[in-house]
Amino acid sequence: MIYKVFYQNDKIANPKREDTKSLYIEADSSVIARGLVEENTPYNIELIQELTGNSLAYEQESPDFKLTKFGTK
């Protein structure tokens, strides 16, 4: 499954909607997706949204769509 992860760059600063960024990740569940992002980044995760069907097709049309892959340990 593919998830869209909304995040802030760090956990210390006050979150602002204007500073929210997103990345796309493939994982078996949202719990695994959260774990991967938390283990590999300093990001403050706001929301993890599963993308399926029309939502996924719409996001894939964006030039910013790129799956983030983290190295394995």
N, C-alpha and C. Protein backbone atom coordinates (compact mmCIF):
# COMPACT_ATOMS: atom_id res chain seq x y z
N MET A 1 0.83 -1.17 0.00
CA MET A 1 0.00 0.00 0.00
C MET A 1 0.89 1.25 0.00
N ILE A 2 0.35 2.29 -0.54
CA ILE A 2 1.09 3.55 -0.59
C ILE A 2 0.42 4.55 0.36
N TYR A 3 1.26 5.22 1.13
CA TYR A 3 0.77 6.19 2.11
C TYR A 3 1.37 7.56 1.84
N LYS A 4 0.58 8.58 2.10
CA LYS A 4 1.05 9.96 2.05
C LYS A 4 1.23 10.40 3.49
N VAL A 5 2.45 10.81 3.82
CA VAL A 5 2.78 11.20 5.19
C VAL A 5 2.94 12.72 5.23
N PHE A 6 2.11 13.37 6.03
CA PHE A 6 2.21 14.82 6.22
C PHE A 6 3.08 15.06 7.45
N TYR A 7 4.04 15.97 7.34
CA TYR A 7 4.98 16.16 8.44
C TYR A 7 5.50 17.60 8.51
N GLN A 8 6.07 17.92 9.67
CA GLN A 8 6.84 19.14 9.89
C GLN A 8 8.31 18.72 9.92
N ASN A 9 9.21 19.63 9.59
CA ASN A 9 10.63 19.28 9.51
C ASN A 9 11.25 18.82 10.81
N ASP A 10 10.81 19.33 11.95
CA ASP A 10 11.38 18.87 13.21
C ASP A 10 10.32 18.84 14.31
N LYS A 11 10.68 18.19 15.40
CA LYS A 11 9.73 18.00 16.49
C LYS A 11 9.77 19.14 17.51
N ILE A 12 10.73 20.02 17.40
CA ILE A 12 10.92 21.07 18.40
C ILE A 12 10.06 22.30 18.10
N ALA A 13 10.07 22.74 16.85
CA ALA A 13 9.35 23.97 16.48
C ALA A 13 7.83 23.76 16.55
N ASN A 14 7.13 24.84 16.84
CA ASN A 14 5.67 24.82 16.83
C ASN A 14 5.17 24.49 15.43
N PRO A 15 4.28 23.51 15.28
CA PRO A 15 3.79 23.19 13.94
C PRO A 15 2.92 24.31 13.37
N LYS A 16 3.11 24.59 12.09
CA LYS A 16 2.30 25.57 11.36
C LYS A 16 1.82 24.91 10.09
N ARG A 17 0.58 25.09 9.79
CA ARG A 17 0.01 24.48 8.59
C ARG A 17 0.79 24.84 7.33
N GLU A 18 1.26 26.08 7.27
CA GLU A 18 1.99 26.56 6.10
C GLU A 18 3.31 25.81 5.89
N ASP A 19 3.84 25.22 6.95
CA ASP A 19 5.13 24.52 6.87
C ASP A 19 4.97 23.01 6.68
N THR A 20 3.75 22.54 6.57
CA THR A 20 3.52 21.10 6.40
C THR A 20 4.00 20.65 5.04
N LYS A 21 4.74 19.56 5.05
CA LYS A 21 5.25 18.95 3.82
C LYS A 21 4.72 17.52 3.76
N SER A 22 4.96 16.86 2.65
CA SER A 22 4.50 15.48 2.54
C SER A 22 5.50 14.63 1.78
N LEU A 23 5.44 13.35 2.05
CA LEU A 23 6.23 12.36 1.32
C LEU A 23 5.35 11.15 1.10
N TYR A 24 5.75 10.32 0.17
CA TYR A 24 5.00 9.10 -0.16
C TYR A 24 5.87 7.92 0.19
N ILE A 25 5.25 6.91 0.79
CA ILE A 25 6.01 5.73 1.20
C ILE A 25 5.16 4.48 0.97
N GLU A 26 5.82 3.41 0.61
CA GLU A 26 5.14 2.13 0.43
C GLU A 26 5.42 1.27 1.66
N ALA A 27 4.36 0.76 2.26
CA ALA A 27 4.49 -0.08 3.46
C ALA A 27 3.26 -0.98 3.56
N ASP A 28 3.37 -2.00 4.40
CA ASP A 28 2.26 -2.94 4.57
C ASP A 28 1.12 -2.37 5.42
N SER A 29 1.43 -1.38 6.27
CA SER A 29 0.40 -0.76 7.09
C SER A 29 0.84 0.65 7.48
N SER A 30 -0.09 1.43 7.99
CA SER A 30 0.24 2.79 8.42
C SER A 30 1.17 2.76 9.63
N VAL A 31 1.05 1.74 10.45
CA VAL A 31 1.92 1.60 11.62
C VAL A 31 3.38 1.39 11.16
N ILE A 32 3.57 0.56 10.18
CA ILE A 32 4.92 0.31 9.64
C ILE A 32 5.44 1.57 8.96
N ALA A 33 4.58 2.26 8.22
CA ALA A 33 4.98 3.51 7.55
C ALA A 33 5.44 4.53 8.59
N ARG A 34 4.68 4.68 9.68
CA ARG A 34 5.06 5.62 10.75
C ARG A 34 6.40 5.22 11.34
N GLY A 35 6.59 3.95 11.61
CA GLY A 35 7.85 3.48 12.18
C GLY A 35 9.04 3.77 11.28
N LEU A 36 8.88 3.55 9.98
CA LEU A 36 9.97 3.83 9.04
C LEU A 36 10.35 5.31 9.03
N VAL A 37 9.34 6.17 9.01
CA VAL A 37 9.62 7.61 8.99
C VAL A 37 10.25 8.05 10.31
N GLU A 38 9.71 7.56 11.42
CA GLU A 38 10.25 7.94 12.74
C GLU A 38 11.69 7.47 12.93
N GLU A 39 12.02 6.27 12.45
CA GLU A 39 13.37 5.73 12.62
C GLU A 39 14.40 6.42 11.74
N ASN A 40 13.97 6.97 10.61
CA ASN A 40 14.91 7.47 9.62
C ASN A 40 14.92 8.98 9.43
N THR A 41 14.07 9.70 10.15
CA THR A 41 14.01 11.16 10.00
C THR A 41 13.76 11.82 11.35
N PRO A 42 14.01 13.13 11.42
CA PRO A 42 13.66 13.88 12.64
C PRO A 42 12.27 14.51 12.54
N TYR A 43 11.46 14.09 11.58
CA TYR A 43 10.19 14.73 11.28
C TYR A 43 9.15 14.53 12.38
N ASN A 44 8.29 15.53 12.50
CA ASN A 44 7.11 15.47 13.36
C ASN A 44 5.94 15.07 12.47
N ILE A 45 5.49 13.85 12.58
CA ILE A 45 4.43 13.33 11.71
C ILE A 45 3.08 13.87 12.18
N GLU A 46 2.35 14.45 11.25
CA GLU A 46 1.02 14.99 11.55
C GLU A 46 -0.08 14.00 11.19
N LEU A 47 0.03 13.39 10.02
CA LEU A 47 -1.04 12.53 9.51
C LEU A 47 -0.45 11.54 8.52
N ILE A 48 -0.99 10.33 8.53
CA ILE A 48 -0.64 9.33 7.53
C ILE A 48 -1.93 8.92 6.85
N GLN A 49 -1.96 9.10 5.52
CA GLN A 49 -3.18 8.83 4.75
C GLN A 49 -2.90 7.73 3.73
N GLU A 50 -3.71 6.68 3.75
CA GLU A 50 -3.58 5.62 2.75
C GLU A 50 -4.14 6.11 1.42
N LEU A 51 -3.40 5.87 0.35
CA LEU A 51 -3.85 6.27 -0.98
C LEU A 51 -4.28 5.04 -1.77
N THR A 52 -5.51 5.06 -2.26
CA THR A 52 -6.02 3.97 -3.08
C THR A 52 -6.88 4.54 -4.19
N GLY A 53 -7.11 3.75 -5.20
CA GLY A 53 -8.03 4.11 -6.27
C GLY A 53 -7.78 5.46 -6.90
N ASN A 54 -8.83 6.28 -6.95
CA ASN A 54 -8.73 7.60 -7.60
C ASN A 54 -7.76 8.52 -6.87
N SER A 55 -7.68 8.41 -5.56
CA SER A 55 -6.76 9.25 -4.79
C SER A 55 -5.32 8.97 -5.19
N LEU A 56 -4.98 7.70 -5.31
CA LEU A 56 -3.63 7.32 -5.71
C LEU A 56 -3.36 7.77 -7.14
N ALA A 57 -4.30 7.56 -8.03
CA ALA A 57 -4.12 7.96 -9.43
C ALA A 57 -3.90 9.47 -9.53
N TYR A 58 -4.65 10.24 -8.76
CA TYR A 58 -4.51 11.70 -8.76
C TYR A 58 -3.11 12.10 -8.28
N GLU A 59 -2.67 11.53 -7.17
CA GLU A 59 -1.35 11.87 -6.63
C GLU A 59 -0.23 11.46 -7.59
N GLN A 60 -0.39 10.34 -8.27
CA GLN A 60 0.65 9.86 -9.20
C GLN A 60 0.80 10.78 -10.41
N GLU A 61 -0.22 11.55 -10.72
CA GLU A 61 -0.14 12.49 -11.84
C GLU A 61 0.68 13.73 -11.49
N SER A 62 0.89 13.97 -10.21
CA SER A 62 1.65 15.14 -9.77
C SER A 62 3.13 14.96 -10.08
N PRO A 63 3.81 16.02 -10.53
CA PRO A 63 5.25 15.92 -10.77
C PRO A 63 6.04 15.72 -9.47
N ASP A 64 5.43 16.00 -8.33
CA ASP A 64 6.10 15.83 -7.04
C ASP A 64 5.98 14.42 -6.48
N PHE A 65 5.23 13.55 -7.16
CA PHE A 65 5.03 12.19 -6.66
C PHE A 65 6.31 11.38 -6.85
N LYS A 66 6.86 10.94 -5.72
CA LYS A 66 8.05 10.10 -5.74
C LYS A 66 8.05 9.29 -4.45
N LEU A 67 8.15 7.97 -4.57
CA LEU A 67 8.17 7.14 -3.38
C LEU A 67 9.49 7.32 -2.65
N THR A 68 9.41 7.55 -1.34
CA THR A 68 10.60 7.66 -0.51
C THR A 68 10.98 6.26 -0.05
N LYS A 69 12.24 5.93 -0.20
CA LYS A 69 12.74 4.62 0.25
C LYS A 69 13.83 4.86 1.27
N PHE A 70 13.73 4.14 2.37
CA PHE A 70 14.74 4.23 3.40
C PHE A 70 15.60 2.97 3.33
N GLY A 71 16.89 3.12 3.57
CA GLY A 71 17.80 1.98 3.54
C GLY A 71 17.47 0.99 4.63
N THR A 72 17.74 -0.26 4.38
CA THR A 72 17.49 -1.29 5.37
C THR A 72 18.68 -1.39 6.31
N LYS A 73 18.42 -1.82 7.52
CA LYS A 73 19.48 -1.94 8.53
C LYS A 73 20.18 -3.27 8.41
